Amino acid sequence: MTRLFKFLLPLLPFLLLAPAFPAAALEVQKVTEGVYALVGELGQRSPENLGNNATFGVVVTKDGVVLVDPGGSREGAQRIEAAIRTVTDKPVTLVINTGGQDHRWLGNGYFKAKGVRIVASKAAVADQRARARDQLILLDNLVGAKGMAGTTPVYADETFEERKELTLGGTKLVLRHAGPAHTPGDSFVWLPREKVVFTGDVVYVERMLGVGAESKSGNWVKVFDEIAALEPKYVVPGHGRATTLERARADTYDYLVALRASVKEFIARGGGIEEIGKIDQSRFRYLQVYEELKGRNAQQVYQEMEWE
């Protein structure tokens, strides 16, 4: 209980401002003036959430809205746009894809049809192209044909290698791809004046992160370090509510470091992959979907660290 209170305390200002929303709706959370987090469900993709089981970012500028990640389907993108309409009537003029996960880019088509500029790292677009078919099959199963209607792969027509600076309506944005983390093309978006960072899937809070076959847990730690070096006042994660750097560190960085240390020790003792699920991760059982992901995460990190 003491540990839980410690983690919740930095979130109190955000939680007190957060309105109650239906489970599958997007919670509109004001982060600071002109900056919002659209917070989706922490669980699996479903027909109700239309693949929007993630957090998305909104920056309202004098010349339009910057949307950080467009959702996991055409209908999901439309729902995001409706959420934006609750805080501004300005149009979305720029969409940034922070990675190759489905909810980071499959809503592109909806906004592209409106003439919106779309930007992503080259590595993210390569990952999207490589996994588009598999992602659409998965979403058809989880979200259903009705929820996925009209969703087709549309890729950013403006890309960057490692860093790109943009200014829209007087607001400066710095886009940074510091190498693979959760996915090969993960990027974060930094607003230096507002001291806000949109992390995409580099940061998970409130729920356990997922280490997938495309993930690189070692570099993931380094990317988090680069975010932390910015000393952000506000962190908008890829999953969960906007929060502090302290909470982001506890739920993401500390977990990755602890998991890698445990797996390294396990390998050094000669442990086989068939027993890796037995390592103790109970320190992080407070995170949602802990039971579902702890074993898979350990297995993926084992396979990665065997070759380091």
C-alpha atoms as a PDB file:
ATOM      1  CA  MET A   1       0.000   0.000   0.000  1.00  0.00           C
ATOM      2  CA  THR A   2       2.887   2.382   0.842  1.00  0.00           C
ATOM      3  CA  ARG A   3       4.509   1.693  -2.529  1.00  0.00           C
ATOM      4  CA  LEU A   4       1.226   2.242  -4.356  1.00  0.00           C
ATOM      5  CA  PHE A   5       0.709   5.575  -2.587  1.00  0.00           C
ATOM      6  CA  LYS A   6       4.241   6.619  -3.508  1.00  0.00           C
ATOM      7  CA  PHE A   7       3.519   6.014  -7.198  1.00  0.00           C
ATOM      8  CA  LEU A   8       0.076   7.628  -7.153  1.00  0.00           C
ATOM      9  CA  LEU A   9       1.102  10.777  -5.296  1.00  0.00           C
ATOM     10  CA  PRO A  10       2.845  12.445  -8.286  1.00  0.00           C
ATOM     11  CA  LEU A  11      -0.239  11.672 -10.391  1.00  0.00           C
ATOM     12  CA  LEU A  12      -2.768  13.364  -8.087  1.00  0.00           C
ATOM     13  CA  PRO A  13      -2.844  16.701  -9.973  1.00  0.00           C
ATOM     14  CA  PHE A  14      -3.558  14.818 -13.207  1.00  0.00           C
ATOM     15  CA  LEU A  15      -6.101  12.431 -11.683  1.00  0.00           C
ATOM     16  CA  LEU A  16      -8.081  15.222 -10.056  1.00  0.00           C
ATOM     17  CA  LEU A  17      -8.446  16.912 -13.444  1.00  0.00           C
ATOM     18  CA  ALA A  18      -9.383  13.759 -15.324  1.00  0.00           C
ATOM     19  CA  PRO A  19     -13.109  13.418 -16.115  1.00  0.00           C
ATOM     20  CA  ALA A  20     -14.924  10.101 -15.983  1.00  0.00           C
ATOM     21  CA  PHE A  21     -15.286   8.445 -19.411  1.00  0.00           C
ATOM     22  CA  PRO A  22     -16.848   5.182 -20.591  1.00  0.00           C
ATOM     23  CA  ALA A  23     -14.349   2.336 -20.656  1.00  0.00           C
ATOM     24  CA  ALA A  24     -13.799   2.337 -24.444  1.00  0.00           C
ATOM     25  CA  ALA A  25     -13.807   6.122 -24.871  1.00  0.00           C
ATOM     26  CA  LEU A  26     -10.719   8.316 -24.924  1.00  0.00           C
ATOM     27  CA  GLU A  27     -10.116  10.262 -21.735  1.00  0.00           C
ATOM     28  CA  VAL A  28      -9.170  13.839 -22.589  1.00  0.00           C
ATOM     29  CA  GLN A  29      -6.511  14.912 -20.100  1.00  0.00           C
ATOM     30  CA  LYS A  30      -5.174  18.465 -20.076  1.00  0.00           C
ATOM     31  CA  VAL A  31      -1.421  18.385 -19.530  1.00  0.00           C
ATOM     32  CA  THR A  32      -0.614  22.088 -19.741  1.00  0.00           C
ATOM     33  CA  GLU A  33      -1.875  25.042 -21.777  1.00  0.00           C
ATOM     34  CA  GLY A  34      -2.628  23.859 -25.310  1.00  0.00           C
ATOM     35  CA  VAL A  35      -1.348  20.332 -24.699  1.00  0.00           C
ATOM     36  CA  TYR A  36      -3.532  17.264 -24.100  1.00  0.00           C
ATOM     37  CA  ALA A  37      -3.255  13.521 -23.728  1.00  0.00           C
ATOM     38  CA  LEU A  38      -5.979  11.313 -25.186  1.00  0.00           C
ATOM     39  CA  VAL A  39      -5.853   8.259 -22.959  1.00  0.00           C
ATOM     40  CA  GLY A  40      -7.175   4.954 -24.233  1.00  0.00           C
ATOM     41  CA  GLU A  41      -7.743   1.649 -22.483  1.00  0.00           C
ATOM     42  CA  LEU A  42      -4.805  -0.174 -20.893  1.00  0.00           C
ATOM     43  CA  GLY A  43      -5.994  -3.599 -22.002  1.00  0.00           C
ATOM     44  CA  GLN A  44      -6.248  -5.346 -25.347  1.00  0.00           C
ATOM     45  CA  ARG A  45      -7.558  -3.988 -28.646  1.00  0.00           C
ATOM     46  CA  SER A  46     -11.292  -4.572 -28.948  1.00  0.00           C
ATOM     47  CA  PRO A  47     -14.365  -3.746 -31.039  1.00  0.00           C
ATOM     48  CA  GLU A  48     -15.228  -1.123 -28.429  1.00  0.00           C
ATOM     49  CA  ASN A  49     -11.894   0.755 -28.482  1.00  0.00           C
ATOM     50  CA  LEU A  50     -11.348   0.347 -32.268  1.00  0.00           C
ATOM     51  CA  GLY A  51      -7.664  -0.454 -31.717  1.00  0.00           C
ATOM     52  CA  ASN A  52      -7.079   2.721 -29.699  1.00  0.00           C
ATOM     53  CA  ASN A  53      -5.679   0.958 -26.615  1.00  0.00           C
ATOM     54  CA  ALA A  54      -2.937   3.545 -26.220  1.00  0.00           C
ATOM     55  CA  THR A  55      -2.305   7.200 -25.391  1.00  0.00           C
ATOM     56  CA  PHE A  56      -2.215   9.866 -28.103  1.00  0.00           C
ATOM     57  CA  GLY A  57      -0.968  13.466 -27.961  1.00  0.00           C
ATOM     58  CA  VAL A  58      -2.550  16.751 -29.009  1.00  0.00           C
ATOM     59  CA  VAL A  59      -0.844  20.128 -29.330  1.00  0.00           C
ATOM     60  CA  VAL A  60      -3.066  23.087 -30.190  1.00  0.00           C
ATOM     61  CA  THR A  61      -1.152  25.829 -32.004  1.00  0.00           C
ATOM     62  CA  LYS A  62      -2.187  29.096 -33.659  1.00  0.00           C
ATOM     63  CA  ASP A  63      -2.072  27.393 -37.065  1.00  0.00           C
ATOM     64  CA  GLY A  64      -3.763  24.106 -36.256  1.00  0.00           C
ATOM     65  CA  VAL A  65      -3.442  20.910 -34.260  1.00  0.00           C
ATOM     66  CA  VAL A  66      -0.487  18.561 -34.067  1.00  0.00           C
ATOM     67  CA  LEU A  67      -1.618  14.979 -33.431  1.00  0.00           C
ATOM     68  CA  VAL A  68       0.935  12.563 -32.032  1.00  0.00           C
ATOM     69  CA  ASP A  69      -0.225   9.162 -33.377  1.00  0.00           C
ATOM     70  CA  PRO A  70      -3.524   8.705 -35.258  1.00  0.00           C
ATOM     71  CA  GLY A  71      -4.919   5.494 -33.746  1.00  0.00           C
ATOM     72  CA  GLY A  72      -5.275   1.885 -34.835  1.00  0.00           C
ATOM     73  CA  SER A  73      -8.003   2.127 -37.479  1.00  0.00           C
ATOM     74  CA  ARG A  74      -9.890   4.556 -39.687  1.00  0.00           C
ATOM     75  CA  GLU A  75     -12.792   4.561 -37.232  1.00  0.00           C
ATOM     76  CA  GLY A  76     -10.317   4.944 -34.374  1.00  0.00           C
ATOM     77  CA  ALA A  77      -8.842   8.021 -36.087  1.00  0.00           C
ATOM     78  CA  GLN A  78     -12.319   9.488 -36.434  1.00  0.00           C
ATOM     79  CA  ARG A  79     -12.886   8.929 -32.714  1.00  0.00           C
ATOM     80  CA  ILE A  80      -9.603  10.712 -31.960  1.00  0.00           C
ATOM     81  CA  GLU A  81     -10.719  13.653 -34.088  1.00  0.00           C
ATOM     82  CA  ALA A  82     -14.010  13.788 -32.146  1.00  0.00           C
ATOM     83  CA  ALA A  83     -12.057  13.906 -28.871  1.00  0.00           C
ATOM     84  CA  ILE A  84      -9.947  16.776 -30.226  1.00  0.00           C
ATOM     85  CA  ARG A  85     -13.150  18.661 -31.039  1.00  0.00           C
ATOM     86  CA  THR A  86     -13.952  18.777 -27.316  1.00  0.00           C
ATOM     87  CA  VAL A  87     -10.976  21.101 -26.734  1.00  0.00           C
ATOM     88  CA  THR A  88     -10.621  23.044 -30.024  1.00  0.00           C
ATOM     89  CA  ASP A  89     -12.325  23.585 -33.355  1.00  0.00           C
ATOM     90  CA  LYS A  90      -8.983  23.990 -35.141  1.00  0.00           C
ATOM     91  CA  PRO A  91      -8.204  21.287 -37.733  1.00  0.00           C
ATOM     92  CA  VAL A  92      -5.470  18.704 -37.465  1.00  0.00           C
ATOM     93  CA  THR A  93      -2.703  19.889 -39.792  1.00  0.00           C
ATOM     94  CA  LEU A  94       0.173  17.619 -38.768  1.00  0.00           C
ATOM     95  CA  VAL A  95       0.260  13.953 -37.712  1.00  0.00           C
ATOM     96  CA  ILE A  96       3.407  12.420 -36.244  1.00  0.00           C
ATOM     97  CA  ASN A  97       3.841   8.641 -36.115  1.00  0.00           C
ATOM     98  CA  THR A  98       6.063   7.719 -33.162  1.00  0.00           C
ATOM     99  CA  GLY A  99       6.609   4.125 -34.235  1.00  0.00           C
ATOM    100  CA  GLY A 100       5.524   1.016 -36.075  1.00  0.00           C
ATOM    101  CA  GLN A 101       2.931  -0.341 -33.645  1.00  0.00           C
ATOM    102  CA  ASP A 102      -0.540  -0.456 -35.250  1.00  0.00           C
ATOM    103  CA  HIS A 103      -2.123   2.275 -33.115  1.00  0.00           C
ATOM    104  CA  ARG A 104       0.753   4.602 -33.981  1.00  0.00           C
ATOM    105  CA  TRP A 105      -0.031   4.733 -37.695  1.00  0.00           C
ATOM    106  CA  LEU A 106      -3.007   2.791 -39.090  1.00  0.00           C
ATOM    107  CA  GLY A 107      -5.242   5.841 -38.657  1.00  0.00           C
ATOM    108  CA  ASN A 108      -3.046   7.747 -41.150  1.00  0.00           C
ATOM    109  CA  GLY A 109      -5.442   7.174 -44.035  1.00  0.00           C
ATOM    110  CA  TYR A 110      -8.278   9.056 -42.372  1.00  0.00           C
ATOM    111  CA  PHE A 111      -6.160  12.179 -41.927  1.00  0.00           C
ATOM    112  CA  LYS A 112      -4.301  11.845 -45.226  1.00  0.00           C
ATOM    113  CA  ALA A 113      -7.659  12.027 -47.026  1.00  0.00           C
ATOM    114  CA  LYS A 114      -8.093  15.453 -45.407  1.00  0.00           C
ATOM    115  CA  GLY A 115      -4.731  16.636 -46.752  1.00  0.00           C
ATOM    116  CA  VAL A 116      -2.917  16.393 -43.424  1.00  0.00           C
ATOM    117  CA  ARG A 117       0.896  16.315 -43.403  1.00  0.00           C
ATOM    118  CA  ILE A 118       2.271  13.046 -41.930  1.00  0.00           C
ATOM    119  CA  VAL A 119       5.799  12.656 -40.538  1.00  0.00           C
ATOM    120  CA  ALA A 120       7.642   9.588 -39.191  1.00  0.00           C
ATOM    121  CA  SER A 121      11.153   8.249 -38.887  1.00  0.00           C
ATOM    122  CA  LYS A 122      12.425   6.203 -41.827  1.00  0.00           C
ATOM    123  CA  ALA A 123      12.875   3.240 -39.497  1.00  0.00           C
ATOM    124  CA  ALA A 124       9.237   3.496 -38.396  1.00  0.00           C
ATOM    125  CA  VAL A 125       7.976   3.473 -41.986  1.00  0.00           C
ATOM    126  CA  ALA A 126      10.159   0.464 -42.802  1.00  0.00           C
ATOM    127  CA  ASP A 127       8.727  -1.356 -39.781  1.00  0.00           C
ATOM    128  CA  GLN A 128       5.177  -0.403 -40.725  1.00  0.00           C
ATOM    129  CA  ARG A 129       5.642  -1.744 -44.235  1.00  0.00           C
ATOM    130  CA  ALA A 130       7.152  -4.973 -42.928  1.00  0.00           C
ATOM    131  CA  ARG A 131       4.346  -5.676 -40.431  1.00  0.00           C
ATOM    132  CA  ALA A 132       1.263  -4.086 -42.023  1.00  0.00           C
ATOM    133  CA  ARG A 133      -0.265  -7.343 -43.236  1.00  0.00           C
ATOM    134  CA  ASP A 134       0.174  -9.131 -39.909  1.00  0.00           C
ATOM    135  CA  GLN A 135      -1.139  -6.141 -37.975  1.00  0.00           C
ATOM    136  CA  LEU A 136      -4.278  -5.929 -40.118  1.00  0.00           C
ATOM    137  CA  ILE A 137      -4.948  -9.663 -39.672  1.00  0.00           C
ATOM    138  CA  LEU A 138      -4.570  -9.313 -35.894  1.00  0.00           C
ATOM    139  CA  LEU A 139      -6.854  -6.273 -35.793  1.00  0.00           C
ATOM    140  CA  ASP A 140      -9.483  -8.003 -37.923  1.00  0.00           C
ATOM    141  CA  ASN A 141      -9.567 -10.714 -35.257  1.00  0.00           C
ATOM    142  CA  LEU A 142      -9.529  -8.407 -32.223  1.00  0.00           C
ATOM    143  CA  VAL A 143     -11.476  -5.371 -33.449  1.00  0.00           C
ATOM    144  CA  GLY A 144     -13.583  -7.064 -36.120  1.00  0.00           C
ATOM    145  CA  ALA A 145     -14.378  -6.303 -39.738  1.00  0.00           C
ATOM    146  CA  LYS A 146     -16.900  -3.605 -38.827  1.00  0.00           C
ATOM    147  CA  GLY A 147     -14.467  -1.668 -36.665  1.00  0.00           C
ATOM    148  CA  MET A 148     -11.684  -2.019 -39.231  1.00  0.00           C
ATOM    149  CA  ALA A 149     -13.793  -0.980 -42.220  1.00  0.00           C
ATOM    150  CA  GLY A 150     -11.966   1.439 -44.504  1.00  0.00           C
ATOM    151  CA  THR A 151      -8.599   0.945 -42.791  1.00  0.00           C
ATOM    152  CA  THR A 152      -5.770   0.688 -45.326  1.00  0.00           C
ATOM    153  CA  PRO A 153      -2.011   1.169 -44.880  1.00  0.00           C
ATOM    154  CA  VAL A 154      -0.984   4.777 -45.578  1.00  0.00           C
ATOM    155  CA  TYR A 155       2.600   5.792 -44.868  1.00  0.00           C
ATOM    156  CA  ALA A 156       4.219   9.082 -43.959  1.00  0.00           C
ATOM    157  CA  ASP A 157       5.335  11.025 -47.022  1.00  0.00           C
ATOM    158  CA  GLU A 158       7.871  12.975 -44.952  1.00  0.00           C
ATOM    159  CA  THR A 159      10.555  11.054 -43.077  1.00  0.00           C
ATOM    160  CA  PHE A 160      13.734  11.680 -41.111  1.00  0.00           C
ATOM    161  CA  GLU A 161      16.729   9.620 -40.010  1.00  0.00           C
ATOM    162  CA  GLU A 162      17.507  10.659 -36.421  1.00  0.00           C
ATOM    163  CA  ARG A 163      16.256  14.174 -35.714  1.00  0.00           C
ATOM    164  CA  LYS A 164      13.849  16.678 -37.194  1.00  0.00           C
ATOM    165  CA  GLU A 165      12.786  20.119 -35.928  1.00  0.00           C
ATOM    166  CA  LEU A 166       9.414  21.574 -36.871  1.00  0.00           C
ATOM    167  CA  THR A 167       7.613  24.779 -35.987  1.00  0.00           C
ATOM    168  CA  LEU A 168       3.864  25.114 -36.330  1.00  0.00           C
ATOM    169  CA  GLY A 169       1.953  28.189 -35.222  1.00  0.00           C
ATOM    170  CA  GLY A 170       4.896  29.356 -33.131  1.00  0.00           C
ATOM    171  CA  THR A 171       5.260  26.010 -31.346  1.00  0.00           C
ATOM    172  CA  LYS A 172       8.601  24.241 -31.732  1.00  0.00           C
ATOM    173  CA  LEU A 173       8.694  20.447 -31.871  1.00  0.00           C
ATOM    174  CA  VAL A 174      11.802  18.288 -31.874  1.00  0.00           C
ATOM    175  CA  LEU A 175      11.376  14.760 -33.236  1.00  0.00           C
ATOM    176  CA  ARG A 176      14.037  12.281 -32.192  1.00  0.00           C
ATOM    177  CA  HIS A 177      14.680   8.683 -33.249  1.00  0.00           C
ATOM    178  CA  ALA A 178      17.433   7.373 -30.972  1.00  0.00           C
ATOM    179  CA  GLY A 179      17.361   3.787 -32.199  1.00  0.00           C
ATOM    180  CA  PRO A 180      15.077   0.806 -31.573  1.00  0.00           C
ATOM    181  CA  ALA A 181      13.177   0.397 -28.314  1.00  0.00           C
ATOM    182  CA  HIS A 182       9.713  -1.193 -28.213  1.00  0.00           C
ATOM    183  CA  THR A 183       9.763  -1.151 -32.030  1.00  0.00           C
ATOM    184  CA  PRO A 184      12.578  -0.461 -34.517  1.00  0.00           C
ATOM    185  CA  GLY A 185      11.437   3.056 -35.425  1.00  0.00           C
ATOM    186  CA  ASP A 186      10.339   4.481 -32.076  1.00  0.00           C
ATOM    187  CA  SER A 187      10.603   8.260 -31.772  1.00  0.00           C
ATOM    188  CA  PHE A 188       9.759  10.790 -29.104  1.00  0.00           C
ATOM    189  CA  VAL A 189       8.490  14.343 -29.558  1.00  0.00           C
ATOM    190  CA  TRP A 190       9.884  17.138 -27.387  1.00  0.00           C
ATOM    191  CA  LEU A 191       8.270  20.534 -26.828  1.00  0.00           C
ATOM    192  CA  PRO A 192      11.139  22.561 -25.319  1.00  0.00           C
ATOM    193  CA  ARG A 193       9.108  25.635 -24.356  1.00  0.00           C
ATOM    194  CA  GLU A 194       6.344  23.629 -22.694  1.00  0.00           C
ATOM    195  CA  LYS A 195       8.767  21.031 -21.217  1.00  0.00           C
ATOM    196  CA  VAL A 196       6.501  18.254 -22.495  1.00  0.00           C
ATOM    197  CA  VAL A 197       7.701  15.001 -24.054  1.00  0.00           C
ATOM    198  CA  PHE A 198       5.462  12.599 -25.977  1.00  0.00           C
ATOM    199  CA  THR A 199       7.275   9.293 -25.671  1.00  0.00           C
ATOM    200  CA  GLY A 200       5.255   6.916 -27.828  1.00  0.00           C
ATOM    201  CA  ASP A 201       5.941   3.343 -26.784  1.00  0.00           C
ATOM    202  CA  VAL A 202       9.249   4.169 -25.125  1.00  0.00           C
ATOM    203  CA  VAL A 203       7.285   4.763 -21.897  1.00  0.00           C
ATOM    204  CA  TYR A 204       4.433   2.783 -20.363  1.00  0.00           C
ATOM    205  CA  VAL A 205       2.845   3.758 -17.053  1.00  0.00           C
ATOM    206  CA  GLU A 206       0.103   2.062 -15.029  1.00  0.00           C
ATOM    207  CA  ARG A 207       0.452  -1.112 -17.097  1.00  0.00           C
ATOM    208  CA  MET A 208       3.360  -3.452 -17.810  1.00  0.00           C
ATOM    209  CA  LEU A 209       5.238  -2.756 -21.015  1.00  0.00           C
ATOM    210  CA  GLY A 210       5.440  -5.435 -23.675  1.00  0.00           C
ATOM    211  CA  VAL A 211       8.767  -6.722 -24.967  1.00  0.00           C
ATOM    212  CA  GLY A 212       8.110  -8.078 -28.443  1.00  0.00           C
ATOM    213  CA  ALA A 213      10.135  -9.875 -31.084  1.00  0.00           C
ATOM    214  CA  GLU A 214      10.958  -6.480 -32.651  1.00  0.00           C
ATOM    215  CA  SER A 215      12.010  -4.898 -29.345  1.00  0.00           C
ATOM    216  CA  LYS A 216      15.582  -4.133 -28.278  1.00  0.00           C
ATOM    217  CA  SER A 217      15.490  -3.888 -24.492  1.00  0.00           C
ATOM    218  CA  GLY A 218      19.122  -2.809 -24.147  1.00  0.00           C
ATOM    219  CA  ASN A 219      18.762   0.188 -26.429  1.00  0.00           C
ATOM    220  CA  TRP A 220      15.316   0.873 -24.955  1.00  0.00           C
ATOM    221  CA  VAL A 221      17.067   1.716 -21.678  1.00  0.00           C
ATOM    222  CA  LYS A 222      19.408   4.109 -23.523  1.00  0.00           C
ATOM    223  CA  VAL A 223      16.511   5.834 -25.289  1.00  0.00           C
ATOM    224  CA  PHE A 224      14.809   6.363 -21.935  1.00  0.00           C
ATOM    225  CA  ASP A 225      18.040   7.910 -20.622  1.00  0.00           C
ATOM    226  CA  GLU A 226      17.977  10.387 -23.505  1.00  0.00           C
ATOM    227  CA  ILE A 227      14.403  11.364 -22.644  1.00  0.00           C
ATOM    228  CA  ALA A 228      15.301  11.757 -18.977  1.00  0.00           C
ATOM    229  CA  ALA A 229      18.232  14.026 -19.894  1.00  0.00           C
ATOM    230  CA  LEU A 230      15.686  16.548 -21.241  1.00  0.00           C
ATOM    231  CA  GLU A 231      14.339  16.926 -17.686  1.00  0.00           C
ATOM    232  CA  PRO A 232      10.720  17.120 -18.868  1.00  0.00           C
ATOM    233  CA  LYS A 233       8.114  18.592 -16.563  1.00  0.00           C
ATOM    234  CA  TYR A 234       5.383  16.500 -18.179  1.00  0.00           C
ATOM    235  CA  VAL A 235       5.643  13.034 -19.706  1.00  0.00           C
ATOM    236  CA  VAL A 236       2.891  11.855 -22.053  1.00  0.00           C
ATOM    237  CA  PRO A 237       3.505   8.094 -22.324  1.00  0.00           C
ATOM    238  CA  GLY A 238       2.503   5.666 -25.015  1.00  0.00           C
ATOM    239  CA  HIS A 239       0.197   3.923 -22.560  1.00  0.00           C
ATOM    240  CA  GLY A 240      -1.358   5.419 -19.441  1.00  0.00           C
ATOM    241  CA  ARG A 241      -2.049   8.952 -18.256  1.00  0.00           C
ATOM    242  CA  ALA A 242       0.313  11.900 -18.542  1.00  0.00           C
ATOM    243  CA  THR A 243       2.630  11.835 -15.594  1.00  0.00           C
ATOM    244  CA  THR A 244       5.986  12.782 -14.109  1.00  0.00           C
ATOM    245  CA  LEU A 245       9.446  11.580 -15.069  1.00  0.00           C
ATOM    246  CA  GLU A 246       9.634   9.874 -11.674  1.00  0.00           C
ATOM    247  CA  ARG A 247       6.601   7.720 -12.390  1.00  0.00           C
ATOM    248  CA  ALA A 248       7.770   6.992 -15.939  1.00  0.00           C
ATOM    249  CA  ARG A 249      11.103   5.842 -14.556  1.00  0.00           C
ATOM    250  CA  ALA A 250       9.467   3.575 -11.989  1.00  0.00           C
ATOM    251  CA  ASP A 251       7.087   1.845 -14.399  1.00  0.00           C
ATOM    252  CA  THR A 252       9.328   1.579 -17.476  1.00  0.00           C
ATOM    253  CA  TYR A 253      13.040   2.163 -16.872  1.00  0.00           C
ATOM    254  CA  ASP A 254      13.242   0.414 -13.510  1.00  0.00           C
ATOM    255  CA  TYR A 255      11.329  -2.559 -14.881  1.00  0.00           C
ATOM    256  CA  LEU A 256      13.565  -2.925 -17.943  1.00  0.00           C
ATOM    257  CA  VAL A 257      16.754  -2.618 -15.885  1.00  0.00           C
ATOM    258  CA  ALA A 258      15.514  -5.114 -13.275  1.00  0.00           C
ATOM    259  CA  LEU A 259      14.329  -7.585 -15.906  1.00  0.00           C
ATOM    260  CA  ARG A 260      17.593  -7.454 -17.829  1.00  0.00           C
ATOM    261  CA  ALA A 261      19.621  -7.882 -14.615  1.00  0.00           C
ATOM    262  CA  SER A 262      17.537 -10.908 -13.579  1.00  0.00           C
ATOM    263  CA  VAL A 263      17.807 -12.510 -17.007  1.00  0.00           C
ATOM    264  CA  LYS A 264      21.555 -11.907 -17.133  1.00  0.00           C
ATOM    265  CA  GLU A 265      22.004 -13.594 -13.750  1.00  0.00           C
ATOM    266  CA  PHE A 266      19.739 -16.467 -14.819  1.00  0.00           C
ATOM    267  CA  ILE A 267      21.795 -17.060 -17.988  1.00  0.00           C
ATOM    268  CA  ALA A 268      25.049 -16.895 -16.015  1.00  0.00           C
ATOM    269  CA  ARG A 269      23.745 -19.665 -13.753  1.00  0.00           C
ATOM    270  CA  GLY A 270      23.118 -21.823 -16.801  1.00  0.00           C
ATOM    271  CA  GLY A 271      19.347 -21.519 -16.757  1.00  0.00           C
ATOM    272  CA  GLY A 272      17.452 -22.609 -19.866  1.00  0.00           C
ATOM    273  CA  ILE A 273      14.758 -20.664 -21.652  1.00  0.00           C
ATOM    274  CA  GLU A 274      12.149 -23.243 -20.662  1.00  0.00           C
ATOM    275  CA  GLU A 275      12.495 -22.055 -17.048  1.00  0.00           C
ATOM    276  CA  ILE A 276      12.922 -18.305 -17.594  1.00  0.00           C
ATOM    277  CA  GLY A 277       9.325 -17.614 -16.598  1.00  0.00           C
ATOM    278  CA  LYS A 278      10.226 -18.513 -13.015  1.00  0.00           C
ATOM    279  CA  ILE A 279      12.355 -15.418 -12.394  1.00  0.00           C
ATOM    280  CA  ASP A 280      10.898 -13.130  -9.753  1.00  0.00           C
ATOM    281  CA  GLN A 281       9.197 -10.023 -11.173  1.00  0.00           C
ATOM    282  CA  SER A 282       6.781  -9.555  -8.261  1.00  0.00           C
ATOM    283  CA  ARG A 283       8.137  -6.085  -7.511  1.00  0.00           C
ATOM    284  CA  PHE A 284       6.116  -4.940 -10.529  1.00  0.00           C
ATOM    285  CA  ARG A 285       2.893  -6.839  -9.923  1.00  0.00           C
ATOM    286  CA  TYR A 286       1.119  -3.512  -9.282  1.00  0.00           C
ATOM    287  CA  LEU A 287       1.181  -2.880 -13.043  1.00  0.00           C
ATOM    288  CA  GLN A 288      -1.885  -3.898 -15.036  1.00  0.00           C
ATOM    289  CA  VAL A 289      -1.552  -6.969 -17.329  1.00  0.00           C
ATOM    290  CA  TYR A 290       1.378  -8.148 -15.169  1.00  0.00           C
ATOM    291  CA  GLU A 291       0.265 -11.774 -15.211  1.00  0.00           C
ATOM    292  CA  GLU A 292      -0.305 -11.782 -18.962  1.00  0.00           C
ATOM    293  CA  LEU A 293       3.063 -10.276 -19.932  1.00  0.00           C
ATOM    294  CA  LYS A 294       5.692 -11.150 -17.329  1.00  0.00           C
ATOM    295  CA  GLY A 295       6.539 -14.565 -18.785  1.00  0.00           C
ATOM    296  CA  ARG A 296       6.599 -13.437 -22.400  1.00  0.00           C
ATOM    297  CA  ASN A 297       8.771 -10.434 -21.534  1.00  0.00           C
ATOM    298  CA  ALA A 298      11.283 -12.628 -19.740  1.00  0.00           C
ATOM    299  CA  GLN A 299      11.430 -15.029 -22.687  1.00  0.00           C
ATOM    300  CA  GLN A 300      11.980 -12.232 -25.226  1.00  0.00           C
ATOM    301  CA  VAL A 301      14.743 -10.630 -23.160  1.00  0.00           C
ATOM    302  CA  TYR A 302      16.405 -14.029 -22.674  1.00  0.00           C
ATOM    303  CA  GLN A 303      16.486 -14.561 -26.444  1.00  0.00           C
ATOM    304  CA  GLU A 304      17.904 -11.067 -26.947  1.00  0.00           C
ATOM    305  CA  MET A 305      20.573 -11.309 -24.251  1.00  0.00           C
ATOM    306  CA  GLU A 306      21.812 -14.737 -25.368  1.00  0.00           C
ATOM    307  CA  TRP A 307      23.484 -12.922 -28.284  1.00  0.00           C
ATOM    308  CA  GLU A 308      24.691  -9.750 -26.566  1.00  0.00           C
END
